[in-house]
Protein backbone atom coordinates (compact mmCIF):
# COMPACT_ATOMS: atom_id res chain seq x y z
CA UNK A 1 -0.03 -0.07 -0.39
CA UNK A 2 1.31 3.73 -1.11
CA UNK A 3 2.67 5.63 1.55
CA UNK A 4 0.55 8.83 0.73
CA UNK A 5 -2.80 7.62 2.11
CA UNK A 6 -4.74 9.19 4.95
CA UNK A 7 -6.89 7.15 7.67
CA UNK A 8 -9.16 8.55 10.29
CA UNK A 9 -10.76 6.18 11.89
CA UNK A 10 -13.53 6.56 14.50
CA UNK A 11 -11.91 10.09 15.70
CA UNK A 12 -13.53 12.04 18.79
CA UNK A 13 -12.11 15.21 19.41
CA UNK A 14 -13.15 17.36 22.71
CA UNK A 15 -11.94 20.71 23.30
CA UNK A 16 -10.30 21.85 26.15
CA UNK A 17 -13.76 23.69 27.05
CA UNK A 18 -15.60 20.96 26.87
CA UNK A 19 -16.87 21.20 23.07
CA UNK A 20 -17.08 17.76 21.73
CA UNK A 21 -16.23 18.89 17.72
CA UNK A 22 -15.61 15.18 15.84
CA UNK A 23 -17.85 12.14 17.29
CA UNK A 24 -16.05 9.72 15.38
CA UNK A 25 -15.44 10.61 11.94
CA UNK A 26 -14.41 7.69 9.60
CA UNK A 27 -12.94 8.33 5.88
CA UNK A 28 -9.93 6.69 3.83
CA UNK A 29 -7.98 8.74 1.34
CA UNK A 30 -5.87 6.97 -0.95
CA UNK A 31 -2.72 7.59 -2.91
CA UNK A 32 -3.72 10.27 -5.76
CA UNK A 33 -7.10 11.55 -4.55
CA UNK A 34 -7.88 14.96 -4.42
CA UNK A 35 -10.69 15.30 -2.30
CA UNK A 36 -13.19 18.22 -1.07
CA UNK A 37 -13.88 18.48 2.00
CA UNK A 38 -17.38 20.19 2.90
CA UNK A 39 -19.28 21.85 5.84
CA UNK A 40 -21.36 24.37 7.08
CA UNK A 41 -19.01 26.84 10.02
CA UNK A 42 -18.53 24.43 12.89
CA UNK A 43 -19.52 21.30 11.32
CA UNK A 44 -15.55 20.38 12.18
CA UNK A 45 -13.72 20.64 9.31
CA UNK A 46 -10.70 22.63 10.48
CA UNK A 47 -10.30 20.47 13.47
CA UNK A 48 -10.34 17.32 11.00
CA UNK A 49 -7.73 19.23 9.02
CA UNK A 50 -5.52 20.18 12.40
CA UNK A 51 -5.62 16.26 13.40
CA UNK A 52 -3.58 15.21 9.75
CA UNK A 53 -0.64 16.20 10.91
CA UNK A 54 -0.91 16.54 14.68
CA UNK A 55 -1.60 19.73 15.69
CA UNK A 56 -4.61 18.02 17.38
CA UNK A 57 -4.18 14.66 18.35
CA UNK A 58 -7.85 12.04 18.93
CA UNK A 59 -9.61 12.48 22.35
CA UNK A 60 -9.90 8.71 21.14
CA UNK A 61 -9.90 6.64 17.84
CA UNK A 62 -6.71 7.12 15.13
CA UNK A 63 -5.52 9.11 12.81
CA UNK A 64 -3.17 7.02 9.83
CA UNK A 65 -0.66 8.23 7.75
CA UNK A 66 1.05 5.85 5.43
CA UNK A 67 0.93 3.47 7.56
CA UNK A 68 2.44 5.58 10.97
CA UNK A 69 -0.03 6.32 13.44
CA UNK A 70 -0.24 10.29 14.31
CA UNK A 71 1.13 10.27 17.98
CA UNK A 72 3.27 12.54 20.02
CA UNK A 73 6.37 10.18 19.14
CA UNK A 74 5.49 10.57 15.25
CA UNK A 75 5.17 13.94 15.35
CA UNK A 76 7.87 14.74 12.91
CA UNK A 77 7.52 11.95 10.84
CA UNK A 78 4.43 12.85 10.03
CA UNK A 79 4.87 16.44 9.50
CA UNK A 80 7.21 15.74 7.03
CA UNK A 81 5.05 13.63 5.10
CA UNK A 82 1.68 16.01 4.97
CA UNK A 83 1.88 19.62 4.89
CA UNK A 84 -0.66 21.50 5.71
CA UNK A 85 -1.42 25.42 4.18
CA UNK A 86 -3.64 27.66 6.56
CA UNK A 87 -6.65 29.47 5.27
CA UNK A 88 -4.25 32.72 6.47
CA UNK A 89 -1.25 32.84 4.73
CA UNK A 90 0.02 35.06 7.87
CA UNK A 91 0.10 32.13 9.87
CA UNK A 92 2.74 30.36 8.55
CA UNK A 93 4.88 33.41 7.31
CA UNK A 94 7.35 34.95 10.00
CA UNK A 95 10.62 35.28 8.08
CA UNK A 96 12.62 38.71 7.17
CA UNK A 97 12.13 37.53 3.99
CA UNK A 98 10.71 34.88 1.89
CA UNK A 99 13.57 32.92 0.55
CA UNK A 100 14.15 32.40 4.51
CA UNK A 101 10.07 31.25 5.57
CA UNK A 102 10.38 28.82 2.02
CA UNK A 103 13.69 27.32 3.82
CA UNK A 104 12.53 26.96 7.33
CA UNK A 105 11.13 23.73 7.02
CA UNK A 106 13.45 21.93 5.53
CA UNK A 107 15.91 23.53 7.73
CA UNK A 108 14.13 21.97 10.60
CA UNK A 109 14.09 18.65 8.91
CA UNK A 110 18.32 18.85 9.66
CA UNK A 111 18.63 19.39 5.89
CA UNK A 112 21.72 21.96 4.16
CA UNK A 113 23.60 23.69 2.12
CA UNK A 114 22.90 22.83 -1.85
CA UNK A 115 19.28 20.37 -1.05
CA UNK A 116 17.91 23.19 1.21
CA UNK A 117 18.86 25.51 -2.09
CA UNK A 118 17.41 23.48 -4.24
CA UNK A 119 14.47 23.06 -2.10
CA UNK A 120 13.37 26.44 -1.87
CA UNK A 121 14.17 27.16 -5.80
CA UNK A 122 11.78 24.50 -7.07
CA UNK A 123 9.25 25.35 -4.53
CA UNK A 124 9.03 29.08 -5.78
CA UNK A 125 9.12 28.15 -9.39
CA UNK A 126 6.25 25.69 -8.44
CA UNK A 127 4.19 28.76 -7.18
CA UNK A 128 5.32 30.96 -9.81
CA UNK A 129 6.95 33.18 -6.87
CA UNK A 130 10.98 33.17 -7.94
CA UNK A 131 11.16 36.62 -8.43
CA UNK A 132 9.82 37.54 -5.12
CA UNK A 133 12.49 35.15 -3.54
CA UNK A 134 14.21 38.52 -1.47
CA UNK A 135 11.10 40.29 -0.77
CA UNK A 136 9.25 40.77 2.77
CA UNK A 137 6.94 38.70 2.98
CA UNK A 138 4.83 41.26 4.51
CA UNK A 139 4.71 43.39 1.69
CA UNK A 140 3.41 41.32 -0.42
CA UNK A 141 -0.42 41.66 -1.73
CA UNK A 142 -3.06 38.35 -0.85
CA UNK A 143 -2.02 36.43 -3.71
CA UNK A 144 1.23 36.36 -3.28
CA UNK A 145 1.49 35.78 0.34
CA UNK A 146 -1.17 32.46 -0.49
CA UNK A 147 1.65 31.38 -2.96
CA UNK A 148 4.61 31.62 -0.99
CA UNK A 149 2.56 30.00 2.22
CA UNK A 150 2.24 27.05 -0.22
CA UNK A 151 6.04 27.18 -1.14
CA UNK A 152 6.92 26.51 2.33
CA UNK A 153 5.11 23.74 2.56
CA UNK A 154 6.36 22.11 -1.14
CA UNK A 155 9.91 22.93 0.22
CA UNK A 156 9.30 19.97 2.56
CA UNK A 157 7.97 17.97 -0.20
CA UNK A 158 5.03 16.39 1.68
CA UNK A 159 3.00 13.54 0.39
CA UNK A 160 -0.19 14.52 1.62
CA UNK A 161 -0.95 18.57 0.78
CA UNK A 162 -3.99 19.63 3.49
CA UNK A 163 -5.32 23.35 2.83
CA UNK A 164 -7.96 24.96 4.49
CA UNK A 165 -9.96 27.42 2.33
CA UNK A 166 -7.09 28.05 0.04
CA UNK A 167 -8.52 30.33 -2.40
CA UNK A 168 -11.14 32.75 0.12
CA UNK A 169 -10.46 36.36 -0.36
CA UNK A 170 -8.40 35.79 -3.79
CA UNK A 171 -9.06 37.70 -6.53
CA UNK A 172 -9.92 35.74 -10.04
CA UNK A 173 -5.99 35.45 -10.96
CA UNK A 174 -4.87 34.59 -7.74
CA UNK A 175 -7.43 31.71 -7.29
CA UNK A 176 -6.03 30.48 -10.34
CA UNK A 177 -2.77 30.13 -9.87
CA UNK A 178 -3.65 28.63 -6.52
CA UNK A 179 -5.66 26.36 -8.73
CA UNK A 180 -2.84 25.40 -11.22
CA UNK A 181 -0.13 25.13 -8.27
CA UNK A 182 -2.93 22.30 -6.85
CA UNK A 183 -3.28 20.01 -10.05
CA UNK A 184 0.39 19.88 -10.75
CA UNK A 185 0.79 18.21 -7.03
CA UNK A 186 0.88 14.82 -8.19
CA UNK A 187 0.36 13.22 -4.67
CA UNK A 188 -2.75 13.49 -2.76
CA UNK A 189 -4.79 16.56 -1.22
CA UNK A 190 -7.23 17.17 1.12
CA UNK A 191 -8.87 20.53 0.55
CA UNK A 192 -11.70 22.16 2.94
CA UNK A 193 -13.57 24.33 0.90
CA UNK A 194 -17.23 26.65 1.19
CA UNK A 195 -16.57 26.94 -2.88
CA UNK A 196 -17.79 24.38 -4.55
CA UNK A 197 -16.65 25.46 -8.39
CA UNK A 198 -13.10 25.47 -6.83
CA UNK A 199 -14.21 21.28 -5.48
CA UNK A 200 -15.93 20.78 -8.44
CA UNK A 201 -12.70 21.80 -10.26
CA UNK A 202 -9.97 20.46 -8.36
CA UNK A 203 -11.65 17.02 -6.71
CA UNK A 204 -12.77 14.34 -7.88
CA UNK A 205 -14.16 13.23 -4.62
CA UNK A 206 -16.27 14.96 -1.77
CA UNK A 207 -16.66 14.59 2.06
CA UNK A 208 -19.52 16.66 3.88
CA UNK A 209 -19.23 17.19 7.75
CA UNK A 210 -21.78 18.00 9.64
CA UNK A 211 -22.11 18.19 13.54
CA UNK A 212 -18.78 16.21 13.78
CA UNK A 213 -19.84 12.86 11.42
CA UNK A 214 -19.10 12.68 8.14
CA UNK A 215 -22.27 12.67 6.45
CA UNK A 216 -21.87 12.15 2.78
CA UNK A 217 -18.74 11.15 0.95
CA UNK A 218 -18.72 10.10 -2.70
CA UNK A 219 -18.75 11.82 -6.13
CA UNK A 220 -17.73 15.55 -6.22
CA UNK A 221 -20.62 16.03 -8.76
CA UNK A 222 -22.54 14.20 -6.68
CA UNK A 223 -22.14 15.61 -2.94
CA UNK A 224 -21.28 18.85 -3.98
CA UNK A 225 -25.05 19.19 -4.76
CA UNK A 226 -26.21 17.32 -1.81
CA UNK A 227 -23.99 19.62 -0.28
CA UNK A 228 -25.52 23.32 -1.77
CA UNK A 229 -29.42 22.05 -0.97
CA UNK A 230 -27.64 21.92 2.44
CA UNK A 231 -26.93 25.64 2.64
CA UNK A 232 -30.12 26.63 0.67
CA UNK A 233 -32.34 25.33 3.57
CA UNK A 234 -30.45 26.64 6.01
């Protein structure tokens, strides 16, 4: 079995304030699948994403990445396999230059010199941001920040790409660029989005989360149509 898979088995999660956000989530995403994660605000989408690379650990149940259970002991390995792009790019950009931000992950993996340079150059080229290399991330447009945030993840060469609302608040050109980046990523993708057009454009499958549970899982056209009906009735 490929190491690019992601499995949730009866995952429950209760926040410290007592709120039960996940109530037995089950799904399996195989190598190369691009899957949209749909749900109303508060349904549990972001909580699911935070479990994929151990930013949250299940209260009970198991998250498994390519045969490795996600636990405190496996976090370093898991985070090299699962790259997560947050909804707000500012949450991922904190160094003084774009180059330093993109190099941060590889350096923390223990890589050095030429390999870090190769990864930085390749990641920036993939997102069309090579010209931003020496710029301050804090002086970029929203679309530029999003592309650089994606590059900080791609430089770690993940097996699985997880994205939270990747096109929110972007103009049409920036949205197109993000879509091109996702299409060019030939491994596994899990994308939480409210954008049904994006889901249909990039994914072949969709999962609906409702009140902390998976309530639908199937072909993207069928599931997005079902979700749109749900939204219309709320």
